[in-house]
PDB file of N, CA and C in Angstrom:
ATOM      1  N   MET A   1       1.894  -2.569   7.536  1.00  0.00           N
ATOM      2  CA  MET A   1       0.591  -2.707   8.267  1.00  0.00           C
ATOM      3  C   MET A   1       0.053  -1.416   8.887  1.00  0.00           C
ATOM      4  N   ARG A   2      -1.119  -1.198   8.841  1.00  0.00           N
ATOM      5  CA  ARG A   2      -1.765   0.015   9.478  1.00  0.00           C
ATOM      6  C   ARG A   2      -2.918  -0.313  10.390  1.00  0.00           C
ATOM      7  N   PHE A   3      -2.967   0.320  11.549  1.00  0.00           N
ATOM      8  CA  PHE A   3      -3.951   0.103  12.531  1.00  0.00           C
ATOM      9  C   PHE A   3      -4.309   1.361  13.194  1.00  0.00           C
ATOM     10  N   ARG A   4      -5.539   1.425  13.737  1.00  0.00           N
ATOM     11  CA  ARG A   4      -6.146   2.610  14.462  1.00  0.00           C
ATOM     12  C   ARG A   4      -5.917   2.325  15.893  1.00  0.00           C
ATOM     13  N   VAL A   5      -5.576   3.428  16.758  1.00  0.00           N
ATOM     14  CA  VAL A   5      -5.563   3.435  18.184  1.00  0.00           C
ATOM     15  C   VAL A   5      -6.231   4.632  18.710  1.00  0.00           C
ATOM     16  N   HIS A   6      -6.814   4.439  19.759  1.00  0.00           N
ATOM     17  CA  HIS A   6      -7.333   5.677  20.586  1.00  0.00           C
ATOM     18  C   HIS A   6      -6.287   5.812  21.783  1.00  0.00           C
ATOM     19  N   VAL A   7      -5.824   7.031  21.870  1.00  0.00           N
ATOM     20  CA  VAL A   7      -4.841   7.493  22.844  1.00  0.00           C
ATOM     21  C   VAL A   7      -5.380   8.046  24.090  1.00  0.00           C
ATOM     22  N   LYS A   8      -4.846   7.782  25.169  1.00  0.00           N
ATOM     23  CA  LYS A   8      -5.103   8.416  26.374  1.00  0.00           C
ATOM     24  C   LYS A   8      -3.613   8.713  27.002  1.00  0.00           C
ATOM     25  N   THR A   9      -3.365  10.033  27.171  1.00  0.00           N
ATOM     26  CA  THR A   9      -2.100  10.444  27.736  1.00  0.00           C
ATOM     27  C   THR A   9      -2.207  10.676  29.343  1.00  0.00           C
ATOM     28  N   ASN A  10      -0.945  11.049  29.762  1.00  0.00           N
ATOM     29  CA  ASN A  10      -0.698  11.305  31.173  1.00  0.00           C
ATOM     30  C   ASN A  10      -1.096  10.179  32.049  1.00  0.00           C
ATOM     31  N   ARG A  11      -0.879   8.900  31.645  1.00  0.00           N
ATOM     32  CA  ARG A  11      -1.052   7.665  32.468  1.00  0.00           C
ATOM     33  C   ARG A  11       0.075   7.341  33.372  1.00  0.00           C
ATOM     34  N   SER A  12      -0.039   6.269  34.251  1.00  0.00           N
ATOM     35  CA  SER A  12       0.984   5.805  35.073  1.00  0.00           C
ATOM     36  C   SER A  12       2.104   5.010  34.094  1.00  0.00           C
ATOM     37  N   GLU A  13       1.573   4.337  33.093  1.00  0.00           N
ATOM     38  CA  GLU A  13       2.580   3.575  32.331  1.00  0.00           C
ATOM     39  C   GLU A  13       2.061   3.550  30.960  1.00  0.00           C
ATOM     40  N   THR A  14       2.951   3.233  29.973  1.00  0.00           N
ATOM     41  CA  THR A  14       2.486   3.063  28.490  1.00  0.00           C
ATOM     42  C   THR A  14       2.135   1.570  28.207  1.00  0.00           C
ATOM     43  N   ARG A  15       0.830   1.447  27.810  1.00  0.00           N
ATOM     44  CA  ARG A  15       0.556   0.039  27.633  1.00  0.00           C
ATOM     45  C   ARG A  15      -0.678   0.017  26.519  1.00  0.00           C
ATOM     46  N   LEU A  16      -0.841  -1.113  25.841  1.00  0.00           N
ATOM     47  CA  LEU A  16      -1.959  -1.264  24.899  1.00  0.00           C
ATOM     48  C   LEU A  16      -2.991  -2.196  25.241  1.00  0.00           C
ATOM     49  N   VAL A  17      -4.228  -1.946  25.056  1.00  0.00           N
ATOM     50  CA  VAL A  17      -5.384  -2.733  25.737  1.00  0.00           C
ATOM     51  C   VAL A  17      -6.363  -2.877  24.460  1.00  0.00           C
ATOM     52  N   ALA A  18      -6.758  -4.115  24.246  1.00  0.00           N
ATOM     53  CA  ALA A  18      -7.765  -4.357  23.370  1.00  0.00           C
ATOM     54  C   ALA A  18      -9.016  -4.266  24.080  1.00  0.00           C
ATOM     55  N   GLU A  19      -9.877  -3.618  23.655  1.00  0.00           N
ATOM     56  CA  GLU A  19     -11.239  -3.246  24.180  1.00  0.00           C
ATOM     57  C   GLU A  19     -12.297  -4.407  23.786  1.00  0.00           C
ATOM     58  N   ALA A  20     -13.381  -4.624  24.440  1.00  0.00           N
ATOM     59  CA  ALA A  20     -14.208  -5.594  24.048  1.00  0.00           C
ATOM     60  C   ALA A  20     -14.874  -5.510  22.675  1.00  0.00           C
ATOM     61  N   ASP A  21     -14.849  -4.383  22.116  1.00  0.00           N
ATOM     62  CA  ASP A  21     -15.406  -4.251  20.791  1.00  0.00           C
ATOM     63  C   ASP A  21     -14.270  -4.170  19.663  1.00  0.00           C
ATOM     64  N   ASP A  22     -13.197  -4.823  20.081  1.00  0.00           N
ATOM     65  CA  ASP A  22     -11.953  -4.913  19.244  1.00  0.00           C
ATOM     66  C   ASP A  22     -11.191  -3.648  18.820  1.00  0.00           C
ATOM     67  N   THR A  23     -11.524  -2.470  19.484  1.00  0.00           N
ATOM     68  CA  THR A  23     -10.855  -1.283  19.166  1.00  0.00           C
ATOM     69  C   THR A  23      -9.312  -1.387  20.139  1.00  0.00           C
ATOM     70  N   LEU A  24      -8.354  -0.665  19.749  1.00  0.00           N
ATOM     71  CA  LEU A  24      -7.156  -0.751  20.581  1.00  0.00           C
ATOM     72  C   LEU A  24      -7.032   0.676  21.208  1.00  0.00           C
ATOM     73  N   THR A  25      -6.815   0.693  22.717  1.00  0.00           N
ATOM     74  CA  THR A  25      -6.599   1.824  23.309  1.00  0.00           C
ATOM     75  C   THR A  25      -5.077   1.875  23.740  1.00  0.00           C
ATOM     76  N   LEU A  26      -4.361   2.897  23.524  1.00  0.00           N
ATOM     77  CA  LEU A  26      -2.979   3.024  24.004  1.00  0.00           C
ATOM     78  C   LEU A  26      -2.830   4.071  25.111  1.00  0.00           C
ATOM     79  N   PHE A  27      -2.599   3.632  26.262  1.00  0.00           N
ATOM     80  CA  PHE A  27      -2.428   4.371  27.367  1.00  0.00           C
ATOM     81  C   PHE A  27      -0.933   4.833  27.263  1.00  0.00           C
ATOM     82  N   VAL A  28      -0.636   6.114  27.352  1.00  0.00           N
ATOM     83  CA  VAL A  28       0.635   6.801  27.371  1.00  0.00           C
ATOM     84  C   VAL A  28       1.046   7.431  28.506  1.00  0.00           C
ATOM     85  N   ALA A  29       2.332   7.214  28.945  1.00  0.00           N
ATOM     86  CA  ALA A  29       2.784   7.877  30.205  1.00  0.00           C
ATOM     87  C   ALA A  29       3.090   9.264  29.911  1.00  0.00           C
ATOM     88  N   ALA A  30       3.455   9.613  28.670  1.00  0.00           N
ATOM     89  CA  ALA A  30       3.907  11.124  28.285  1.00  0.00           C
ATOM     90  C   ALA A  30       2.721  11.993  28.236  1.00  0.00           C
ATOM     91  N   ALA A  31       2.979  13.269  28.292  1.00  0.00           N
ATOM     92  CA  ALA A  31       2.013  14.380  28.232  1.00  0.00           C
ATOM     93  C   ALA A  31       1.901  14.620  26.917  1.00  0.00           C
ATOM     94  N   PRO A  32       0.728  15.111  26.270  1.00  0.00           N
ATOM     95  CA  PRO A  32       0.606  15.611  24.829  1.00  0.00           C
ATOM     96  C   PRO A  32       1.078  16.975  24.665  1.00  0.00           C
ATOM     97  N   VAL A  33       2.468  17.196  25.054  1.00  0.00           N
ATOM     98  CA  VAL A  33       2.943  18.444  24.877  1.00  0.00           C
ATOM     99  C   VAL A  33       4.075  18.395  24.022  1.00  0.00           C
ATOM    100  N   LYS A  34       4.153  19.295  23.070  1.00  0.00           N
ATOM    101  CA  LYS A  34       5.326  19.462  22.226  1.00  0.00           C
ATOM    102  C   LYS A  34       5.765  17.942  21.625  1.00  0.00           C
ATOM    103  N   GLY A  35       4.748  17.189  21.338  1.00  0.00           N
ATOM    104  CA  GLY A  35       4.951  15.925  20.604  1.00  0.00           C
ATOM    105  C   GLY A  35       5.491  14.758  21.521  1.00  0.00           C
ATOM    106  N   LYS A  36       5.595  15.034  22.696  1.00  0.00           N
ATOM    107  CA  LYS A  36       6.135  13.992  23.674  1.00  0.00           C
ATOM    108  C   LYS A  36       5.429  12.746  23.695  1.00  0.00           C
ATOM    109  N   ALA A  37       4.073  12.828  23.547  1.00  0.00           N
ATOM    110  CA  ALA A  37       3.283  11.628  23.715  1.00  0.00           C
ATOM    111  C   ALA A  37       3.377  10.859  22.275  1.00  0.00           C
ATOM    112  N   ASN A  38       3.352  11.619  21.079  1.00  0.00           N
ATOM    113  CA  ASN A  38       3.780  10.913  19.885  1.00  0.00           C
ATOM    114  C   ASN A  38       5.061  10.170  19.737  1.00  0.00           C
ATOM    115  N   ARG A  39       6.062  10.959  20.376  1.00  0.00           N
ATOM    116  CA  ARG A  39       7.313  10.333  20.280  1.00  0.00           C
ATOM    117  C   ARG A  39       7.423   9.044  21.213  1.00  0.00           C
ATOM    118  N   GLU A  40       6.559   9.170  22.171  1.00  0.00           N
ATOM    119  CA  GLU A  40       6.644   7.923  23.280  1.00  0.00           C
ATOM    120  C   GLU A  40       5.752   6.684  22.528  1.00  0.00           C
ATOM    121  N   ILE A  41       4.831   7.030  21.751  1.00  0.00           N
ATOM    122  CA  ILE A  41       4.046   6.006  20.972  1.00  0.00           C
ATOM    123  C   ILE A  41       4.872   5.345  20.010  1.00  0.00           C
ATOM    124  N   VAL A  42       5.658   6.089  19.303  1.00  0.00           N
ATOM    125  CA  VAL A  42       6.598   5.486  18.258  1.00  0.00           C
ATOM    126  C   VAL A  42       7.661   4.669  18.841  1.00  0.00           C
ATOM    127  N   LYS A  43       8.295   5.265  19.859  1.00  0.00           N
ATOM    128  CA  LYS A  43       9.493   4.491  20.597  1.00  0.00           C
ATOM    129  C   LYS A  43       8.946   3.233  21.243  1.00  0.00           C
ATOM    130  N   TRP A  44       7.703   3.307  21.958  1.00  0.00           N
ATOM    131  CA  TRP A  44       7.190   2.218  22.543  1.00  0.00           C
ATOM    132  C   TRP A  44       6.824   0.968  21.675  1.00  0.00           C
ATOM    133  N   LEU A  45       5.972   1.428  20.552  1.00  0.00           N
ATOM    134  CA  LEU A  45       5.692   0.367  19.578  1.00  0.00           C
ATOM    135  C   LEU A  45       6.830  -0.232  18.922  1.00  0.00           C
ATOM    136  N   ALA A  46       7.884   0.503  18.560  1.00  0.00           N
ATOM    137  CA  ALA A  46       9.122   0.091  17.992  1.00  0.00           C
ATOM    138  C   ALA A  46       9.779  -1.008  18.992  1.00  0.00           C
ATOM    139  N   LYS A  47       9.912  -0.640  19.962  1.00  0.00           N
ATOM    140  CA  LYS A  47      10.618  -1.635  21.031  1.00  0.00           C
ATOM    141  C   LYS A  47       9.737  -2.902  21.129  1.00  0.00           C
ATOM    142  N   LYS A  48       8.383  -2.761  21.311  1.00  0.00           N
ATOM    143  CA  LYS A  48       7.652  -4.050  21.476  1.00  0.00           C
ATOM    144  C   LYS A  48       7.612  -4.859  20.267  1.00  0.00           C
ATOM    145  N   LEU A  49       7.712  -4.092  19.161  1.00  0.00           N
ATOM    146  CA  LEU A  49       7.672  -4.895  17.746  1.00  0.00           C
ATOM    147  C   LEU A  49       8.982  -5.337  17.404  1.00  0.00           C
ATOM    148  N   GLY A  50      10.023  -4.903  17.950  1.00  0.00           N
ATOM    149  CA  GLY A  50      11.419  -5.167  17.618  1.00  0.00           C
ATOM    150  C   GLY A  50      11.938  -4.587  16.310  1.00  0.00           C
ATOM    151  N   LYS A  51      11.367  -3.356  16.089  1.00  0.00           N
ATOM    152  CA  LYS A  51      11.583  -2.584  14.847  1.00  0.00           C
ATOM    153  C   LYS A  51      12.308  -1.362  15.326  1.00  0.00           C
ATOM    154  N   ALA A  52      12.874  -0.809  14.167  1.00  0.00           N
ATOM    155  CA  ALA A  52      13.608   0.686  14.420  1.00  0.00           C
ATOM    156  C   ALA A  52      12.394   1.625  14.405  1.00  0.00           C
ATOM    157  N   SER A  53      12.657   2.586  15.244  1.00  0.00           N
ATOM    158  CA  SER A  53      11.785   3.724  15.193  1.00  0.00           C
ATOM    159  C   SER A  53      11.392   4.236  13.913  1.00  0.00           C
ATOM    160  N   SER A  54      12.249   4.257  12.924  1.00  0.00           N
ATOM    161  CA  SER A  54      12.074   4.683  11.516  1.00  0.00           C
ATOM    162  C   SER A  54      11.011   3.791  10.960  1.00  0.00           C
ATOM    163  N   GLN A  55      10.777   2.613  11.335  1.00  0.00           N
ATOM    164  CA  GLN A  55       9.939   1.726  10.659  1.00  0.00           C
ATOM    165  C   GLN A  55       8.314   1.904  11.301  1.00  0.00           C
ATOM    166  N   VAL A  56       8.302   2.776  12.314  1.00  0.00           N
ATOM    167  CA  VAL A  56       6.996   3.002  12.970  1.00  0.00           C
ATOM    168  C   VAL A  56       6.691   4.569  12.780  1.00  0.00           C
ATOM    169  N   ARG A  57       5.432   4.792  12.405  1.00  0.00           N
ATOM    170  CA  ARG A  57       5.092   6.147  12.267  1.00  0.00           C
ATOM    171  C   ARG A  57       3.603   6.439  12.456  1.00  0.00           C
ATOM    172  N   ILE A  58       3.233   7.742  12.688  1.00  0.00           N
ATOM    173  CA  ILE A  58       1.874   8.036  12.873  1.00  0.00           C
ATOM    174  C   ILE A  58       1.479   8.637  11.626  1.00  0.00           C
ATOM    175  N   VAL A  59       0.655   8.041  10.672  1.00  0.00           N
ATOM    176  CA  VAL A  59       0.284   8.559   9.456  1.00  0.00           C
ATOM    177  C   VAL A  59      -0.908   9.447   9.437  1.00  0.00           C
ATOM    178  N   ALA A  60      -1.764   9.416  10.642  1.00  0.00           N
ATOM    179  CA  ALA A  60      -2.969  10.296  10.621  1.00  0.00           C
ATOM    180  C   ALA A  60      -3.165  10.442  12.053  1.00  0.00           C
ATOM    181  N   GLY A  61      -3.733  11.631  12.486  1.00  0.00           N
ATOM    182  CA  GLY A  61      -4.002  11.989  13.993  1.00  0.00           C
ATOM    183  C   GLY A  61      -2.956  12.566  14.695  1.00  0.00           C
ATOM    184  N   VAL A  62      -2.063  13.196  14.199  1.00  0.00           N
ATOM    185  CA  VAL A  62      -0.816  13.586  14.941  1.00  0.00           C
ATOM    186  C   VAL A  62      -1.450  14.458  16.029  1.00  0.00           C
ATOM    187  N   TYR A  63      -2.413  15.221  15.772  1.00  0.00           N
ATOM    188  CA  TYR A  63      -2.792  16.408  16.862  1.00  0.00           C
ATOM    189  C   TYR A  63      -4.127  15.822  17.448  1.00  0.00           C
ATOM    190  N   SER A  64      -4.403  14.444  17.278  1.00  0.00           N
ATOM    191  CA  SER A  64      -5.635  13.865  17.720  1.00  0.00           C
ATOM    192  C   SER A  64      -5.502  12.808  18.715  1.00  0.00           C
ATOM    193  N   ASN A  65      -6.691  12.382  19.415  1.00  0.00           N
ATOM    194  CA  ASN A  65      -6.239  11.109  20.344  1.00  0.00           C
ATOM    195  C   ASN A  65      -6.744  10.009  19.489  1.00  0.00           C
ATOM    196  N   SER A  66      -7.183   9.984  18.376  1.00  0.00           N
ATOM    197  CA  SER A  66      -7.500   8.830  17.349  1.00  0.00           C
ATOM    198  C   SER A  66      -6.335   8.913  16.273  1.00  0.00           C
ATOM    199  N   LYS A  67      -5.476   7.887  16.178  1.00  0.00           N
ATOM    200  CA  LYS A  67      -4.351   7.886  15.413  1.00  0.00           C
ATOM    201  C   LYS A  67      -4.301   6.642  14.639  1.00  0.00           C
ATOM    202  N   ILE A  68      -3.746   6.771  13.362  1.00  0.00           N
ATOM    203  CA  ILE A  68      -3.512   5.633  12.546  1.00  0.00           C
ATOM    204  C   ILE A  68      -1.979   5.375  12.448  1.00  0.00           C
ATOM    205  N   ILE A  69      -1.529   4.206  12.787  1.00  0.00           N
ATOM    206  CA  ILE A  69      -0.092   3.963  12.994  1.00  0.00           C
ATOM    207  C   ILE A  69       0.318   3.036  11.819  1.00  0.00           C
ATOM    208  N   GLU A  70       1.325   3.277  11.308  1.00  0.00           N
ATOM    209  CA  GLU A  70       1.789   2.353  10.035  1.00  0.00           C
ATOM    210  C   GLU A  70       3.310   1.681  10.640  1.00  0.00           C
ATOM    211  N   VAL A  71       3.197   0.379  10.520  1.00  0.00           N
ATOM    212  CA  VAL A  71       4.529  -0.317  10.906  1.00  0.00           C
ATOM    213  C   VAL A  71       4.971  -1.034   9.794  1.00  0.00           C
ATOM    214  N   ILE A  72       6.254  -0.801   9.323  1.00  0.00           N
ATOM    215  CA  ILE A  72       6.756  -1.415   8.136  1.00  0.00           C
ATOM    216  C   ILE A  72       7.506  -2.822   8.633  1.00  0.00           C
ATOM    217  N   GLY A  73       7.215  -3.794   7.843  1.00  0.00           N
ATOM    218  CA  GLY A  73       7.867  -5.094   7.997  1.00  0.00           C
ATOM    219  C   GLY A  73       7.281  -5.991   9.109  1.00  0.00           C
ATOM    220  N   VAL A  74       6.055  -5.877   9.467  1.00  0.00           N
ATOM    221  CA  VAL A  74       5.384  -6.750  10.482  1.00  0.00           C
ATOM    222  C   VAL A  74       3.939  -6.921   9.953  1.00  0.00           C
ATOM    223  N   GLY A  75       3.453  -8.247   9.997  1.00  0.00           N
ATOM    224  CA  GLY A  75       2.101  -8.655   9.871  1.00  0.00           C
ATOM    225  C   GLY A  75       1.280  -8.558  10.949  1.00  0.00           C
ATOM    226  N   LYS A  76      -0.097  -8.681  10.660  1.00  0.00           N
ATOM    227  CA  LYS A  76      -1.143  -8.654  11.741  1.00  0.00           C
ATOM    228  C   LYS A  76      -0.788  -9.654  12.714  1.00  0.00           C
ATOM    229  N   GLU A  77      -0.617 -10.856  12.336  1.00  0.00           N
ATOM    230  CA  GLU A  77      -0.571 -11.940  13.366  1.00  0.00           C
ATOM    231  C   GLU A  77       0.730 -11.824  14.232  1.00  0.00           C
ATOM    232  N   GLU A  78       1.910 -11.376  13.602  1.00  0.00           N
ATOM    233  CA  GLU A  78       3.059 -11.251  14.380  1.00  0.00           C
ATOM    234  C   GLU A  78       2.887 -10.008  15.255  1.00  0.00           C
ATOM    235  N   ALA A  79       2.351  -8.930  14.937  1.00  0.00           N
ATOM    236  CA  ALA A  79       2.175  -7.835  15.631  1.00  0.00           C
ATOM    237  C   ALA A  79       1.256  -8.093  16.883  1.00  0.00           C
ATOM    238  N   ALA A  80       0.249  -8.817  16.703  1.00  0.00           N
ATOM    239  CA  ALA A  80      -0.907  -9.223  17.673  1.00  0.00           C
ATOM    240  C   ALA A  80      -0.204  -9.992  18.755  1.00  0.00           C
ATOM    241  N   GLU A  81       0.716 -10.948  18.426  1.00  0.00           N
ATOM    242  CA  GLU A  81       1.415 -11.829  19.222  1.00  0.00           C
ATOM    243  C   GLU A  81       2.395 -11.033  20.196  1.00  0.00           C
ATOM    244  N   LEU A  82       3.185 -10.043  19.504  1.00  0.00           N
ATOM    245  CA  LEU A  82       4.175  -9.152  20.219  1.00  0.00           C
ATOM    246  C   LEU A  82       3.534  -8.318  21.133  1.00  0.00           C
ATOM    247  N   LEU A  83       2.275  -7.737  20.753  1.00  0.00           N
ATOM    248  CA  LEU A  83       1.603  -6.952  21.663  1.00  0.00           C
ATOM    249  C   LEU A  83       0.610  -7.313  22.633  1.00  0.00           C
ATOM    250  N   GLY A  84       0.316  -8.666  22.317  1.00  0.00           N
ATOM    251  CA  GLY A  84      -0.411  -9.254  23.433  1.00  0.00           C
ATOM    252  C   GLY A  84      -2.009  -9.026  23.090  1.00  0.00           C
ATOM    253  N   VAL A  85      -2.357  -8.828  21.944  1.00  0.00           N
ATOM    254  CA  VAL A  85      -3.702  -8.496  21.718  1.00  0.00           C
ATOM    255  C   VAL A  85      -4.227  -9.511  20.535  1.00  0.00           C
ATOM    256  N   ASP A  86      -5.571  -9.540  20.293  1.00  0.00           N
ATOM    257  CA  ASP A  86      -6.273 -10.290  19.288  1.00  0.00           C
ATOM    258  C   ASP A  86      -5.945  -9.716  17.801  1.00  0.00           C
ATOM    259  N   PRO A  87      -5.622 -10.551  16.936  1.00  0.00           N
ATOM    260  CA  PRO A  87      -5.262  -9.980  15.621  1.00  0.00           C
ATOM    261  C   PRO A  87      -6.494  -9.224  14.853  1.00  0.00           C
ATOM    262  N   ASN A  88      -7.793  -9.650  15.437  1.00  0.00           N
ATOM    263  CA  ASN A  88      -8.935  -8.842  14.944  1.00  0.00           C
ATOM    264  C   ASN A  88      -8.979  -7.504  15.398  1.00  0.00           C
ATOM    265  N   SER A  89      -8.224  -7.162  16.342  1.00  0.00           N
ATOM    266  CA  SER A  89      -8.218  -5.860  16.824  1.00  0.00           C
ATOM    267  C   SER A  89      -7.551  -4.705  15.810  1.00  0.00           C
ATOM    268  N   PHE A  90      -6.799  -5.305  14.891  1.00  0.00           N
ATOM    269  CA  PHE A  90      -6.212  -4.430  13.762  1.00  0.00           C
ATOM    270  C   PHE A  90      -7.052  -4.237  12.776  1.00  0.00           C
ATOM    271  N   GLY A  91      -8.298  -4.643  12.571  1.00  0.00           N
ATOM    272  CA  GLY A  91      -9.267  -4.307  11.575  1.00  0.00           C
ATOM    273  C   GLY A  91      -9.040  -5.144  10.455  1.00  0.00           C
TER     274      GLY A  91
END
């Protein structure tokens, strides 16, 4: 499964929010320095989805605040339930 997120770094905590227009915003506690924010994104999503970090990767937007995330072995419905968002947010 792949989905797009808009990332905002240097926040108080890492959390995912589904916006009113069904886009996903990921607030990340880490700073965007030397890949720290990207590592935090992968680690956080893997933990929330019950997957190994090797099953979660950023396939586009490594240097951007708009990223496409790929998660292996999880469907839209399951991911939406585990992340607490509407399945329509995944596009």
